[in-house]
Amino acid sequence: MSILGSLFGKKKDEQAVLVYLDGTGLPDEVYRDCDLMTIEDKLTEIIERRKLGVFDGNEVGPKETTLFMYGPDAERLFSGIEQTLRDYPLCKGARVVIRQGKPGAAQRELKLA
């Protein structure tokens, strides 16, 4: 485990939910009216309250933003946050990867309608 991992309790083999937000293809009003901090705060609150794992931050790129969440059970983590993702306009069309362990582990992918 890395020094940062040991400080924040993140293990290399933890499962992950990665959400890739569309940074260019949504209507202009979605980008005007919605912001990254709002969805991050909502996700963090749910994950902490339900003890699903941790919200570990984001990576903003020119065409998409990735949200990183980790916990002991990726399916349970996704189940806990799914409705919030589906309800927030900034998440429309997002690609979600539900990974069963460290990078390279079995995973499934879906697109939010």
N, C-alpha and C. Protein backbone atom coordinates (compact mmCIF):
# COMPACT_ATOMS: atom_id res chain seq x y z
N MET A 1 0.85 -1.17 0.00
CA MET A 1 0.00 0.00 0.00
C MET A 1 0.90 1.23 0.00
N SER A 2 0.55 2.23 -0.81
CA SER A 2 1.33 3.45 -0.87
C SER A 2 1.16 4.26 0.41
N ILE A 3 2.02 5.25 0.60
CA ILE A 3 1.90 6.11 1.77
C ILE A 3 0.55 6.82 1.76
N LEU A 4 0.16 7.38 0.60
CA LEU A 4 -1.14 8.04 0.52
C LEU A 4 -2.27 7.05 0.76
N GLY A 5 -2.14 5.86 0.20
CA GLY A 5 -3.16 4.84 0.40
C GLY A 5 -3.31 4.47 1.86
N SER A 6 -2.19 4.38 2.57
CA SER A 6 -2.29 4.04 3.98
C SER A 6 -2.86 5.20 4.79
N LEU A 7 -2.58 6.43 4.39
CA LEU A 7 -3.14 7.59 5.08
C LEU A 7 -4.65 7.68 4.91
N PHE A 8 -5.13 7.37 3.71
CA PHE A 8 -6.54 7.54 3.42
C PHE A 8 -7.31 6.23 3.39
N GLY A 9 -6.68 5.13 3.74
CA GLY A 9 -7.37 3.86 3.85
C GLY A 9 -7.70 3.19 2.52
N LYS A 10 -7.09 3.62 1.44
CA LYS A 10 -7.37 3.04 0.13
C LYS A 10 -6.39 1.91 -0.14
N LYS A 11 -6.91 0.73 -0.38
CA LYS A 11 -6.08 -0.43 -0.68
C LYS A 11 -5.99 -0.61 -2.18
N LYS A 12 -4.91 -1.19 -2.64
CA LYS A 12 -4.71 -1.43 -4.07
C LYS A 12 -5.81 -2.31 -4.67
N ASP A 13 -6.32 -3.25 -3.88
CA ASP A 13 -7.29 -4.21 -4.42
C ASP A 13 -8.74 -3.79 -4.23
N GLU A 14 -8.98 -2.59 -3.73
CA GLU A 14 -10.36 -2.15 -3.57
C GLU A 14 -11.06 -2.08 -4.92
N GLN A 15 -12.36 -2.30 -4.86
CA GLN A 15 -13.17 -2.22 -6.07
C GLN A 15 -13.47 -0.76 -6.38
N ALA A 16 -13.88 -0.50 -7.62
CA ALA A 16 -14.02 0.89 -8.06
C ALA A 16 -15.27 1.11 -8.89
N VAL A 17 -15.80 2.33 -8.79
CA VAL A 17 -16.80 2.83 -9.71
C VAL A 17 -16.21 4.09 -10.30
N LEU A 18 -16.06 4.09 -11.61
CA LEU A 18 -15.49 5.23 -12.34
C LEU A 18 -16.58 5.79 -13.24
N VAL A 19 -16.82 7.08 -13.14
CA VAL A 19 -17.87 7.72 -13.93
C VAL A 19 -17.21 8.73 -14.85
N TYR A 20 -17.43 8.55 -16.16
CA TYR A 20 -16.84 9.42 -17.18
C TYR A 20 -17.93 10.35 -17.70
N LEU A 21 -17.87 11.61 -17.28
CA LEU A 21 -18.87 12.60 -17.67
C LEU A 21 -18.53 13.22 -19.01
N ASP A 22 -19.53 13.41 -19.84
CA ASP A 22 -19.37 14.04 -21.15
C ASP A 22 -19.12 15.53 -20.94
N GLY A 23 -17.98 16.00 -21.37
CA GLY A 23 -17.62 17.40 -21.18
C GLY A 23 -17.93 18.29 -22.36
N THR A 24 -18.48 17.75 -23.44
CA THR A 24 -18.71 18.57 -24.63
C THR A 24 -20.05 18.35 -25.32
N GLY A 25 -20.72 17.23 -25.11
CA GLY A 25 -21.88 16.88 -25.92
C GLY A 25 -23.25 17.16 -25.34
N LEU A 26 -23.31 17.67 -24.12
CA LEU A 26 -24.60 17.97 -23.50
C LEU A 26 -25.06 19.37 -23.90
N PRO A 27 -26.34 19.67 -23.74
CA PRO A 27 -26.83 21.02 -24.04
C PRO A 27 -26.10 22.08 -23.21
N ASP A 28 -25.90 23.25 -23.80
CA ASP A 28 -25.18 24.33 -23.12
C ASP A 28 -25.76 24.66 -21.75
N GLU A 29 -27.09 24.60 -21.62
CA GLU A 29 -27.72 24.96 -20.35
C GLU A 29 -27.34 23.98 -19.23
N VAL A 30 -27.03 22.74 -19.57
CA VAL A 30 -26.59 21.78 -18.55
C VAL A 30 -25.26 22.25 -17.97
N TYR A 31 -24.32 22.63 -18.82
CA TYR A 31 -23.02 23.11 -18.33
C TYR A 31 -23.16 24.44 -17.60
N ARG A 32 -24.13 25.25 -18.00
CA ARG A 32 -24.36 26.54 -17.36
C ARG A 32 -25.00 26.36 -15.98
N ASP A 33 -25.96 25.44 -15.87
CA ASP A 33 -26.77 25.31 -14.65
C ASP A 33 -26.27 24.26 -13.66
N CYS A 34 -25.42 23.35 -14.08
CA CYS A 34 -24.94 22.27 -13.22
C CYS A 34 -23.43 22.40 -13.04
N ASP A 35 -22.96 21.96 -11.90
CA ASP A 35 -21.51 22.03 -11.70
C ASP A 35 -20.99 20.75 -11.05
N LEU A 36 -19.72 20.54 -11.21
CA LEU A 36 -19.05 19.34 -10.73
C LEU A 36 -19.11 19.25 -9.20
N MET A 37 -18.93 20.36 -8.52
CA MET A 37 -18.92 20.35 -7.06
C MET A 37 -20.24 19.84 -6.49
N THR A 38 -21.36 20.19 -7.11
CA THR A 38 -22.66 19.75 -6.62
C THR A 38 -22.79 18.23 -6.67
N ILE A 39 -22.47 17.63 -7.81
CA ILE A 39 -22.59 16.17 -7.89
C ILE A 39 -21.57 15.49 -6.99
N GLU A 40 -20.38 16.03 -6.88
CA GLU A 40 -19.38 15.45 -5.98
C GLU A 40 -19.86 15.48 -4.53
N ASP A 41 -20.45 16.60 -4.11
CA ASP A 41 -20.96 16.71 -2.74
C ASP A 41 -22.09 15.71 -2.50
N LYS A 42 -22.99 15.56 -3.47
CA LYS A 42 -24.09 14.61 -3.33
C LYS A 42 -23.56 13.18 -3.21
N LEU A 43 -22.62 12.82 -4.08
CA LEU A 43 -22.06 11.47 -4.06
C LEU A 43 -21.31 11.20 -2.76
N THR A 44 -20.51 12.16 -2.32
CA THR A 44 -19.76 12.02 -1.08
C THR A 44 -20.69 11.79 0.10
N GLU A 45 -21.77 12.56 0.16
CA GLU A 45 -22.71 12.45 1.27
C GLU A 45 -23.35 11.05 1.30
N ILE A 46 -23.78 10.56 0.14
CA ILE A 46 -24.40 9.23 0.07
C ILE A 46 -23.40 8.15 0.44
N ILE A 47 -22.22 8.20 -0.14
CA ILE A 47 -21.20 7.18 0.10
C ILE A 47 -20.82 7.13 1.57
N GLU A 48 -20.64 8.29 2.19
CA GLU A 48 -20.27 8.32 3.61
C GLU A 48 -21.42 7.87 4.50
N ARG A 49 -22.62 8.38 4.25
CA ARG A 49 -23.78 8.05 5.09
C ARG A 49 -24.08 6.56 5.06
N ARG A 50 -23.97 5.95 3.87
CA ARG A 50 -24.28 4.53 3.72
C ARG A 50 -23.07 3.62 3.90
N LYS A 51 -21.91 4.25 4.20
CA LYS A 51 -20.67 3.50 4.43
C LYS A 51 -20.35 2.56 3.26
N LEU A 52 -20.38 3.14 2.05
CA LEU A 52 -20.14 2.38 0.83
C LEU A 52 -18.69 2.39 0.38
N GLY A 53 -17.90 3.31 0.92
CA GLY A 53 -16.52 3.46 0.49
C GLY A 53 -16.11 4.92 0.58
N VAL A 54 -15.40 5.39 -0.47
CA VAL A 54 -14.94 6.78 -0.48
C VAL A 54 -15.10 7.38 -1.88
N PHE A 55 -15.38 8.67 -1.89
CA PHE A 55 -15.28 9.44 -3.13
C PHE A 55 -13.85 9.96 -3.14
N ASP A 56 -13.10 9.65 -4.19
CA ASP A 56 -11.66 9.92 -4.20
C ASP A 56 -11.26 11.07 -5.11
N GLY A 57 -12.22 11.81 -5.68
CA GLY A 57 -11.86 12.97 -6.48
C GLY A 57 -12.20 12.82 -7.94
N ASN A 58 -11.59 13.72 -8.72
CA ASN A 58 -11.89 13.76 -10.15
C ASN A 58 -10.64 14.06 -10.95
N GLU A 59 -10.78 13.86 -12.23
CA GLU A 59 -9.74 14.26 -13.19
C GLU A 59 -10.48 14.92 -14.35
N VAL A 60 -10.18 16.19 -14.57
CA VAL A 60 -10.86 16.95 -15.61
C VAL A 60 -9.98 17.00 -16.85
N GLY A 61 -10.55 16.58 -17.97
CA GLY A 61 -9.85 16.61 -19.24
C GLY A 61 -10.59 17.50 -20.23
N PRO A 62 -10.07 17.63 -21.43
CA PRO A 62 -10.69 18.52 -22.41
C PRO A 62 -12.05 18.04 -22.92
N LYS A 63 -12.30 16.73 -22.90
CA LYS A 63 -13.56 16.21 -23.43
C LYS A 63 -14.40 15.46 -22.41
N GLU A 64 -13.80 15.05 -21.28
CA GLU A 64 -14.55 14.35 -20.27
C GLU A 64 -13.91 14.55 -18.91
N THR A 65 -14.73 14.33 -17.89
CA THR A 65 -14.28 14.39 -16.50
C THR A 65 -14.54 13.03 -15.89
N THR A 66 -13.57 12.51 -15.16
CA THR A 66 -13.71 11.22 -14.51
C THR A 66 -13.88 11.41 -13.02
N LEU A 67 -14.88 10.75 -12.45
CA LEU A 67 -15.11 10.71 -11.01
C LEU A 67 -14.66 9.36 -10.50
N PHE A 68 -13.88 9.34 -9.40
CA PHE A 68 -13.30 8.12 -8.86
C PHE A 68 -13.92 7.80 -7.50
N MET A 69 -14.50 6.60 -7.39
CA MET A 69 -15.07 6.13 -6.13
C MET A 69 -14.59 4.71 -5.88
N TYR A 70 -14.26 4.42 -4.62
CA TYR A 70 -13.71 3.11 -4.26
C TYR A 70 -14.42 2.56 -3.03
N GLY A 71 -14.51 1.24 -2.96
CA GLY A 71 -15.10 0.59 -1.80
C GLY A 71 -14.91 -0.90 -1.88
N PRO A 72 -15.36 -1.61 -0.84
CA PRO A 72 -15.17 -3.06 -0.80
C PRO A 72 -16.08 -3.82 -1.76
N ASP A 73 -17.17 -3.19 -2.24
CA ASP A 73 -18.11 -3.86 -3.13
C ASP A 73 -18.59 -2.86 -4.19
N ALA A 74 -18.04 -2.94 -5.38
CA ALA A 74 -18.35 -1.97 -6.44
C ALA A 74 -19.82 -2.01 -6.84
N GLU A 75 -20.42 -3.18 -6.87
CA GLU A 75 -21.83 -3.28 -7.24
C GLU A 75 -22.72 -2.59 -6.20
N ARG A 76 -22.42 -2.80 -4.94
CA ARG A 76 -23.17 -2.14 -3.86
C ARG A 76 -22.95 -0.63 -3.90
N LEU A 77 -21.73 -0.21 -4.16
CA LEU A 77 -21.41 1.21 -4.28
C LEU A 77 -22.21 1.84 -5.41
N PHE A 78 -22.20 1.22 -6.57
CA PHE A 78 -22.95 1.75 -7.69
C PHE A 78 -24.45 1.78 -7.39
N SER A 79 -24.94 0.72 -6.81
CA SER A 79 -26.37 0.65 -6.47
C SER A 79 -26.77 1.81 -5.55
N GLY A 80 -25.88 2.17 -4.64
CA GLY A 80 -26.16 3.26 -3.71
C GLY A 80 -26.17 4.64 -4.34
N ILE A 81 -25.41 4.83 -5.42
CA ILE A 81 -25.30 6.16 -6.04
C ILE A 81 -26.02 6.26 -7.39
N GLU A 82 -26.51 5.14 -7.90
CA GLU A 82 -27.05 5.10 -9.25
C GLU A 82 -28.16 6.14 -9.48
N GLN A 83 -29.13 6.20 -8.60
CA GLN A 83 -30.25 7.12 -8.83
C GLN A 83 -29.79 8.58 -8.82
N THR A 84 -28.85 8.91 -7.97
CA THR A 84 -28.31 10.28 -7.94
C THR A 84 -27.62 10.61 -9.25
N LEU A 85 -26.85 9.68 -9.79
CA LEU A 85 -26.21 9.90 -11.09
C LEU A 85 -27.26 10.07 -12.18
N ARG A 86 -28.26 9.23 -12.18
CA ARG A 86 -29.30 9.30 -13.21
C ARG A 86 -30.12 10.58 -13.12
N ASP A 87 -30.28 11.13 -11.92
CA ASP A 87 -31.10 12.32 -11.72
C ASP A 87 -30.38 13.63 -12.03
N TYR A 88 -29.06 13.66 -11.99
CA TYR A 88 -28.33 14.91 -12.15
C TYR A 88 -28.00 15.13 -13.63
N PRO A 89 -28.47 16.23 -14.22
CA PRO A 89 -28.32 16.45 -15.66
C PRO A 89 -26.89 16.36 -16.19
N LEU A 90 -25.91 16.73 -15.39
CA LEU A 90 -24.51 16.69 -15.83
C LEU A 90 -24.04 15.25 -16.08
N CYS A 91 -24.77 14.28 -15.54
CA CYS A 91 -24.39 12.86 -15.68
C CYS A 91 -25.08 12.17 -16.85
N LYS A 92 -25.93 12.87 -17.57
CA LYS A 92 -26.62 12.25 -18.71
C LYS A 92 -25.59 11.76 -19.73
N GLY A 93 -25.78 10.54 -20.17
CA GLY A 93 -24.88 9.97 -21.16
C GLY A 93 -23.53 9.54 -20.62
N ALA A 94 -23.34 9.63 -19.31
CA ALA A 94 -22.04 9.26 -18.72
C ALA A 94 -21.78 7.76 -18.90
N ARG A 95 -20.53 7.44 -19.07
CA ARG A 95 -20.09 6.04 -19.13
C ARG A 95 -19.64 5.66 -17.72
N VAL A 96 -20.14 4.54 -17.21
CA VAL A 96 -19.82 4.08 -15.86
C VAL A 96 -19.11 2.74 -15.95
N VAL A 97 -17.97 2.65 -15.29
CA VAL A 97 -17.22 1.40 -15.20
C VAL A 97 -17.30 0.92 -13.75
N ILE A 98 -17.78 -0.31 -13.57
CA ILE A 98 -17.89 -0.93 -12.26
C ILE A 98 -16.86 -2.05 -12.23
N ARG A 99 -15.77 -1.81 -11.50
CA ARG A 99 -14.61 -2.72 -11.54
C ARG A 99 -14.50 -3.51 -10.25
N GLN A 100 -14.28 -4.81 -10.37
CA GLN A 100 -14.29 -5.74 -9.25
C GLN A 100 -12.94 -5.87 -8.52
N GLY A 101 -12.03 -4.97 -8.73
CA GLY A 101 -10.73 -5.02 -8.07
C GLY A 101 -9.82 -3.97 -8.66
N LYS A 102 -8.51 -4.21 -8.54
CA LYS A 102 -7.54 -3.25 -9.06
C LYS A 102 -7.61 -3.21 -10.59
N PRO A 103 -6.96 -2.23 -11.22
CA PRO A 103 -6.99 -2.16 -12.69
C PRO A 103 -6.62 -3.50 -13.32
N GLY A 104 -7.41 -3.88 -14.31
CA GLY A 104 -7.23 -5.15 -14.99
C GLY A 104 -8.18 -6.23 -14.49
N ALA A 105 -8.85 -5.98 -13.36
CA ALA A 105 -9.81 -6.95 -12.82
C ALA A 105 -11.08 -6.94 -13.67
N ALA A 106 -11.92 -7.93 -13.44
CA ALA A 106 -13.20 -8.01 -14.15
C ALA A 106 -14.00 -6.74 -13.90
N GLN A 107 -14.68 -6.29 -14.95
CA GLN A 107 -15.50 -5.09 -14.83
C GLN A 107 -16.65 -5.15 -15.79
N ARG A 108 -17.65 -4.32 -15.51
CA ARG A 108 -18.73 -4.14 -16.45
C ARG A 108 -18.89 -2.66 -16.70
N GLU A 109 -19.46 -2.34 -17.84
CA GLU A 109 -19.59 -0.95 -18.24
C GLU A 109 -21.02 -0.70 -18.69
N LEU A 110 -21.53 0.48 -18.38
CA LEU A 110 -22.86 0.87 -18.83
C LEU A 110 -22.88 2.36 -19.12
N LYS A 111 -23.90 2.77 -19.86
CA LYS A 111 -24.06 4.17 -20.20
C LYS A 111 -25.36 4.65 -19.56
N LEU A 112 -25.30 5.80 -18.89
CA LEU A 112 -26.49 6.37 -18.27
C LEU A 112 -27.35 7.05 -19.34
N ALA A 113 -28.62 6.69 -19.38
CA ALA A 113 -29.53 7.28 -20.37
C ALA A 113 -29.88 8.70 -20.00
